Amino acid sequence: MYKLKTNKSVNKRFKQTSGSKLLKRSCGKSHLLQKKSSNKKRKLRKLNLVNCSDQSNFINSLPYLK
C-alpha cells in the first residue's frame, strides 16, 4: 500500500489536543490592529477549537494525525 500524503498547509495551521480535538489560531490578528482595542487584541491571542462539524474535513487532510 502506498503512503498517504499529508496536506502541509492544514498541518501547519492546526494542532491536536490530547482529546483528539483540533486547535486553530484566531482570525483578525494580522493587520489593521491600530483600530482594535487592546482587550480585543488580547482575546485574539488565544487558540480556539475547530467546530465539530468542520473537524472531519481537516482530519481527512491529515491521515497520520493520532
PDB file of N, CA and C in Angstrom:
ATOM      1  N   MET A   1       0.841  -1.184   0.000  1.00  0.00           N
ATOM      2  CA  MET A   1       0.000   0.000   0.000  1.00  0.00           C
ATOM      3  C   MET A   1       0.885   1.246   0.000  1.00  0.00           C
ATOM      4  N   TYR A   2       0.490   2.239  -0.749  1.00  0.00           N
ATOM      5  CA  TYR A   2       1.289   3.447  -0.856  1.00  0.00           C
ATOM      6  C   TYR A   2       1.039   4.377   0.331  1.00  0.00           C
ATOM      7  N   LYS A   3       1.962   5.287   0.542  1.00  0.00           N
ATOM      8  CA  LYS A   3       1.848   6.240   1.640  1.00  0.00           C
ATOM      9  C   LYS A   3       0.848   7.327   1.285  1.00  0.00           C
ATOM     10  N   LEU A   4       0.085   7.760   2.264  1.00  0.00           N
ATOM     11  CA  LEU A   4      -0.851   8.861   2.067  1.00  0.00           C
ATOM     12  C   LEU A   4      -0.122  10.173   2.289  1.00  0.00           C
ATOM     13  N   LYS A   5      -0.475  11.173   1.505  1.00  0.00           N
ATOM     14  CA  LYS A   5       0.178  12.471   1.635  1.00  0.00           C
ATOM     15  C   LYS A   5      -0.589  13.348   2.610  1.00  0.00           C
ATOM     16  N   THR A   6       0.145  14.006   3.492  1.00  0.00           N
ATOM     17  CA  THR A   6      -0.426  14.965   4.424  1.00  0.00           C
ATOM     18  C   THR A   6      -0.524  16.313   3.730  1.00  0.00           C
ATOM     19  N   ASN A   7      -1.646  16.975   3.891  1.00  0.00           N
ATOM     20  CA  ASN A   7      -1.803  18.330   3.373  1.00  0.00           C
ATOM     21  C   ASN A   7      -0.999  19.267   4.278  1.00  0.00           C
ATOM     22  N   LYS A   8       0.111  19.798   3.770  1.00  0.00           N
ATOM     23  CA  LYS A   8       1.045  20.562   4.595  1.00  0.00           C
ATOM     24  C   LYS A   8       0.467  21.879   5.094  1.00  0.00           C
ATOM     25  N   SER A   9      -0.399  22.514   4.308  1.00  0.00           N
ATOM     26  CA  SER A   9      -0.983  23.779   4.759  1.00  0.00           C
ATOM     27  C   SER A   9      -1.908  23.554   5.956  1.00  0.00           C
ATOM     28  N   VAL A  10      -2.646  22.464   5.950  1.00  0.00           N
ATOM     29  CA  VAL A  10      -3.511  22.136   7.086  1.00  0.00           C
ATOM     30  C   VAL A  10      -2.665  21.719   8.277  1.00  0.00           C
ATOM     31  N   ASN A  11      -1.590  21.002   8.010  1.00  0.00           N
ATOM     32  CA  ASN A  11      -0.709  20.534   9.074  1.00  0.00           C
ATOM     33  C   ASN A  11      -0.065  21.692   9.839  1.00  0.00           C
ATOM     34  N   LYS A  12       0.245  22.785   9.145  1.00  0.00           N
ATOM     35  CA  LYS A  12       0.874  23.939   9.791  1.00  0.00           C
ATOM     36  C   LYS A  12      -0.131  24.784  10.557  1.00  0.00           C
ATOM     37  N   ARG A  13      -1.389  24.774  10.165  1.00  0.00           N
ATOM     38  CA  ARG A  13      -2.391  25.662  10.754  1.00  0.00           C
ATOM     39  C   ARG A  13      -3.097  25.083  11.969  1.00  0.00           C
ATOM     40  N   PHE A  14      -3.085  23.767  12.121  1.00  0.00           N
ATOM     41  CA  PHE A  14      -3.860  23.146  13.183  1.00  0.00           C
ATOM     42  C   PHE A  14      -2.987  22.280  14.064  1.00  0.00           C
ATOM     43  N   LYS A  15      -3.300  22.279  15.359  1.00  0.00           N
ATOM     44  CA  LYS A  15      -2.637  21.424  16.330  1.00  0.00           C
ATOM     45  C   LYS A  15      -3.709  20.549  16.972  1.00  0.00           C
ATOM     46  N   GLN A  16      -3.285  19.375  17.466  1.00  0.00           N
ATOM     47  CA  GLN A  16      -4.229  18.463  18.078  1.00  0.00           C
ATOM     48  C   GLN A  16      -4.067  18.454  19.589  1.00  0.00           C
ATOM     49  N   THR A  17      -5.199  18.406  20.309  1.00  0.00           N
ATOM     50  CA  THR A  17      -5.170  18.300  21.764  1.00  0.00           C
ATOM     51  C   THR A  17      -5.054  16.829  22.145  1.00  0.00           C
ATOM     52  N   SER A  18      -4.901  16.573  23.440  1.00  0.00           N
ATOM     53  CA  SER A  18      -4.798  15.189  23.890  1.00  0.00           C
ATOM     54  C   SER A  18      -6.117  14.441  23.716  1.00  0.00           C
ATOM     55  N   GLY A  19      -7.230  15.162  23.700  1.00  0.00           N
ATOM     56  CA  GLY A  19      -8.536  14.543  23.491  1.00  0.00           C
ATOM     57  C   GLY A  19      -8.932  14.480  22.038  1.00  0.00           C
ATOM     58  N   SER A  20      -7.970  14.559  21.135  1.00  0.00           N
ATOM     59  CA  SER A  20      -8.138  14.487  19.674  1.00  0.00           C
ATOM     60  C   SER A  20      -9.071  15.552  19.111  1.00  0.00           C
ATOM     61  N   LYS A  21      -9.035  16.760  19.708  1.00  0.00           N
ATOM     62  CA  LYS A  21      -9.723  17.907  19.126  1.00  0.00           C
ATOM     63  C   LYS A  21      -8.680  18.775  18.436  1.00  0.00           C
ATOM     64  N   LEU A  22      -9.112  19.606  17.498  1.00  0.00           N
ATOM     65  CA  LEU A  22      -8.183  20.447  16.752  1.00  0.00           C
ATOM     66  C   LEU A  22      -8.238  21.884  17.259  1.00  0.00           C
ATOM     67  N   LEU A  23      -7.066  22.508  17.351  1.00  0.00           N
ATOM     68  CA  LEU A  23      -6.945  23.902  17.748  1.00  0.00           C
ATOM     69  C   LEU A  23      -6.539  24.730  16.545  1.00  0.00           C
ATOM     70  N   LYS A  24      -7.066  25.965  16.459  1.00  0.00           N
ATOM     71  CA  LYS A  24      -6.710  26.873  15.376  1.00  0.00           C
ATOM     72  C   LYS A  24      -6.413  28.244  15.952  1.00  0.00           C
ATOM     73  N   ARG A  25      -5.708  29.055  15.168  1.00  0.00           N
ATOM     74  CA  ARG A  25      -5.394  30.418  15.564  1.00  0.00           C
ATOM     75  C   ARG A  25      -6.603  31.319  15.328  1.00  0.00           C
ATOM     76  N   SER A  26      -6.788  32.333  16.145  1.00  0.00           N
ATOM     77  CA  SER A  26      -7.889  33.272  15.950  1.00  0.00           C
ATOM     78  C   SER A  26      -7.630  34.133  14.730  1.00  0.00           C
ATOM     79  N   CYS A  27      -8.696  34.461  14.011  1.00  0.00           N
ATOM     80  CA  CYS A  27      -8.549  35.320  12.840  1.00  0.00           C
ATOM     81  C   CYS A  27      -8.649  36.782  13.273  1.00  0.00           C
ATOM     82  N   GLY A  28      -8.162  37.684  12.437  1.00  0.00           N
ATOM     83  CA  GLY A  28      -8.258  39.109  12.719  1.00  0.00           C
ATOM     84  C   GLY A  28      -7.077  39.680  13.467  1.00  0.00           C
ATOM     85  N   LYS A  29      -5.951  38.999  13.488  1.00  0.00           N
ATOM     86  CA  LYS A  29      -4.792  39.456  14.250  1.00  0.00           C
ATOM     87  C   LYS A  29      -3.608  39.785  13.347  1.00  0.00           C
ATOM     88  N   SER A  30      -3.796  39.836  12.022  1.00  0.00           N
ATOM     89  CA  SER A  30      -2.644  40.016  11.140  1.00  0.00           C
ATOM     90  C   SER A  30      -2.421  41.462  10.726  1.00  0.00           C
ATOM     91  N   HIS A  31      -3.480  42.218  10.498  1.00  0.00           N
ATOM     92  CA  HIS A  31      -3.293  43.616  10.095  1.00  0.00           C
ATOM     93  C   HIS A  31      -4.511  44.421  10.556  1.00  0.00           C
ATOM     94  N   LEU A  32      -4.454  45.739  10.362  1.00  0.00           N
ATOM     95  CA  LEU A  32      -5.482  46.683  10.834  1.00  0.00           C
ATOM     96  C   LEU A  32      -5.660  46.601  12.352  1.00  0.00           C
ATOM     97  N   LEU A  33      -4.537  46.521  13.064  1.00  0.00           N
ATOM     98  CA  LEU A  33      -4.589  46.368  14.514  1.00  0.00           C
ATOM     99  C   LEU A  33      -4.701  47.709  15.233  1.00  0.00           C
ATOM    100  N   GLN A  34      -4.489  48.796  14.513  1.00  0.00           N
ATOM    101  CA  GLN A  34      -4.482  50.109  15.138  1.00  0.00           C
ATOM    102  C   GLN A  34      -5.861  50.486  15.667  1.00  0.00           C
ATOM    103  N   LYS A  35      -6.894  50.114  14.936  1.00  0.00           N
ATOM    104  CA  LYS A  35      -8.254  50.483  15.337  1.00  0.00           C
ATOM    105  C   LYS A  35      -8.877  49.521  16.339  1.00  0.00           C
ATOM    106  N   LYS A  36      -8.245  48.361  16.575  1.00  0.00           N
ATOM    107  CA  LYS A  36      -8.789  47.387  17.517  1.00  0.00           C
ATOM    108  C   LYS A  36      -8.319  47.712  18.922  1.00  0.00           C
ATOM    109  N   SER A  37      -9.188  47.493  19.884  1.00  0.00           N
ATOM    110  CA  SER A  37      -8.840  47.791  21.267  1.00  0.00           C
ATOM    111  C   SER A  37      -7.854  46.754  21.795  1.00  0.00           C
ATOM    112  N   SER A  38      -7.171  47.114  22.869  1.00  0.00           N
ATOM    113  CA  SER A  38      -6.190  46.187  23.436  1.00  0.00           C
ATOM    114  C   SER A  38      -6.877  44.965  24.034  1.00  0.00           C
ATOM    115  N   ASN A  39      -8.090  45.135  24.534  1.00  0.00           N
ATOM    116  CA  ASN A  39      -8.827  43.978  25.051  1.00  0.00           C
ATOM    117  C   ASN A  39      -9.146  42.994  23.940  1.00  0.00           C
ATOM    118  N   LYS A  40      -9.551  43.510  22.810  1.00  0.00           N
ATOM    119  CA  LYS A  40      -9.873  42.656  21.653  1.00  0.00           C
ATOM    120  C   LYS A  40      -8.632  41.911  21.174  1.00  0.00           C
ATOM    121  N   LYS A  41      -7.492  42.623  21.090  1.00  0.00           N
ATOM    122  CA  LYS A  41      -6.254  42.004  20.635  1.00  0.00           C
ATOM    123  C   LYS A  41      -5.772  40.942  21.619  1.00  0.00           C
ATOM    124  N   ARG A  42      -5.989  41.168  22.906  1.00  0.00           N
ATOM    125  CA  ARG A  42      -5.588  40.195  23.921  1.00  0.00           C
ATOM    126  C   ARG A  42      -6.419  38.917  23.800  1.00  0.00           C
ATOM    127  N   LYS A  43      -7.705  39.065  23.510  1.00  0.00           N
ATOM    128  CA  LYS A  43      -8.568  37.892  23.355  1.00  0.00           C
ATOM    129  C   LYS A  43      -8.244  37.113  22.088  1.00  0.00           C
ATOM    130  N   LEU A  44      -7.705  37.800  21.063  1.00  0.00           N
ATOM    131  CA  LEU A  44      -7.360  37.130  19.813  1.00  0.00           C
ATOM    132  C   LEU A  44      -6.080  36.304  19.920  1.00  0.00           C
ATOM    133  N   ARG A  45      -5.319  36.446  21.019  1.00  0.00           N
ATOM    134  CA  ARG A  45      -4.100  35.668  21.197  1.00  0.00           C
ATOM    135  C   ARG A  45      -4.386  34.188  21.428  1.00  0.00           C
ATOM    136  N   LYS A  46      -5.546  33.895  21.984  1.00  0.00           N
ATOM    137  CA  LYS A  46      -5.864  32.525  22.365  1.00  0.00           C
ATOM    138  C   LYS A  46      -6.081  31.639  21.145  1.00  0.00           C
ATOM    139  N   LEU A  47      -5.851  30.343  21.350  1.00  0.00           N
ATOM    140  CA  LEU A  47      -6.187  29.354  20.344  1.00  0.00           C
ATOM    141  C   LEU A  47      -7.632  28.933  20.544  1.00  0.00           C
ATOM    142  N   ASN A  48      -8.348  28.687  19.453  1.00  0.00           N
ATOM    143  CA  ASN A  48      -9.743  28.290  19.511  1.00  0.00           C
ATOM    144  C   ASN A  48      -9.895  26.865  19.013  1.00  0.00           C
ATOM    145  N   LEU A  49     -10.942  26.203  19.484  1.00  0.00           N
ATOM    146  CA  LEU A  49     -11.258  24.868  18.994  1.00  0.00           C
ATOM    147  C   LEU A  49     -11.957  24.965  17.646  1.00  0.00           C
ATOM    148  N   VAL A  50     -11.675  24.020  16.777  1.00  0.00           N
ATOM    149  CA  VAL A  50     -12.363  23.934  15.496  1.00  0.00           C
ATOM    150  C   VAL A  50     -13.746  23.362  15.749  1.00  0.00           C
ATOM    151  N   ASN A  51     -14.734  23.889  15.050  1.00  0.00           N
ATOM    152  CA  ASN A  51     -16.099  23.409  15.194  1.00  0.00           C
ATOM    153  C   ASN A  51     -16.169  21.927  14.826  1.00  0.00           C
ATOM    154  N   CYS A  52     -16.973  21.166  15.563  1.00  0.00           N
ATOM    155  CA  CYS A  52     -17.009  19.712  15.350  1.00  0.00           C
ATOM    156  C   CYS A  52     -17.551  19.351  13.971  1.00  0.00           C
ATOM    157  N   SER A  53     -18.390  20.195  13.376  1.00  0.00           N
ATOM    158  CA  SER A  53     -18.894  19.901  12.037  1.00  0.00           C
ATOM    159  C   SER A  53     -17.811  20.086  10.973  1.00  0.00           C
ATOM    160  N   ASP A  54     -16.832  20.961  11.218  1.00  0.00           N
ATOM    161  CA  ASP A  54     -15.725  21.182  10.281  1.00  0.00           C
ATOM    162  C   ASP A  54     -14.544  20.248  10.533  1.00  0.00           C
ATOM    163  N   GLN A  55     -14.508  19.643  11.696  1.00  0.00           N
ATOM    164  CA  GLN A  55     -13.339  18.883  12.101  1.00  0.00           C
ATOM    165  C   GLN A  55     -13.087  17.680  11.197  1.00  0.00           C
ATOM    166  N   SER A  56     -14.128  17.040  10.698  1.00  0.00           N
ATOM    167  CA  SER A  56     -13.937  15.854   9.859  1.00  0.00           C
ATOM    168  C   SER A  56     -13.238  16.199   8.547  1.00  0.00           C
ATOM    169  N   ASN A  57     -13.484  17.414   8.011  1.00  0.00           N
ATOM    170  CA  ASN A  57     -12.817  17.832   6.774  1.00  0.00           C
ATOM    171  C   ASN A  57     -11.310  17.947   6.970  1.00  0.00           C
ATOM    172  N   PHE A  58     -10.891  18.469   8.111  1.00  0.00           N
ATOM    173  CA  PHE A  58      -9.467  18.658   8.362  1.00  0.00           C
ATOM    174  C   PHE A  58      -8.782  17.342   8.703  1.00  0.00           C
ATOM    175  N   ILE A  59      -9.486  16.451   9.374  1.00  0.00           N
ATOM    176  CA  ILE A  59      -8.889  15.171   9.741  1.00  0.00           C
ATOM    177  C   ILE A  59      -8.627  14.330   8.497  1.00  0.00           C
ATOM    178  N   ASN A  60      -9.480  14.462   7.466  1.00  0.00           N
ATOM    179  CA  ASN A  60      -9.235  13.741   6.226  1.00  0.00           C
ATOM    180  C   ASN A  60      -7.979  14.238   5.520  1.00  0.00           C
ATOM    181  N   SER A  61      -7.611  15.497   5.724  1.00  0.00           N
ATOM    182  CA  SER A  61      -6.393  16.056   5.128  1.00  0.00           C
ATOM    183  C   SER A  61      -5.138  15.662   5.902  1.00  0.00           C
ATOM    184  N   LEU A  62      -5.327  15.163   7.121  1.00  0.00           N
ATOM    185  CA  LEU A  62      -4.207  14.771   7.974  1.00  0.00           C
ATOM    186  C   LEU A  62      -4.320  13.290   8.303  1.00  0.00           C
ATOM    187  N   PRO A  63      -3.896  12.419   7.404  1.00  0.00           N
ATOM    188  CA  PRO A  63      -4.125  10.981   7.604  1.00  0.00           C
ATOM    189  C   PRO A  63      -3.335  10.370   8.764  1.00  0.00           C
ATOM    190  N   TYR A  64      -2.205  10.966   9.130  1.00  0.00           N
ATOM    191  CA  TYR A  64      -1.377  10.384  10.187  1.00  0.00           C
ATOM    192  C   TYR A  64      -1.551  11.099  11.514  1.00  0.00           C
ATOM    193  N   LEU A  65      -2.625  11.842  11.663  1.00  0.00           N
ATOM    194  CA  LEU A  65      -2.919  12.506  12.936  1.00  0.00           C
ATOM    195  C   LEU A  65      -3.381  11.450  13.926  1.00  0.00           C
ATOM    196  N   LYS A  66      -2.810  11.457  15.111  1.00  0.00           N
ATOM    197  CA  LYS A  66      -3.163  10.419  16.087  1.00  0.00           C
ATOM    198  C   LYS A  66      -4.088  10.950  17.132  1.00  0.00           C
TER     199      LYS A  66
END
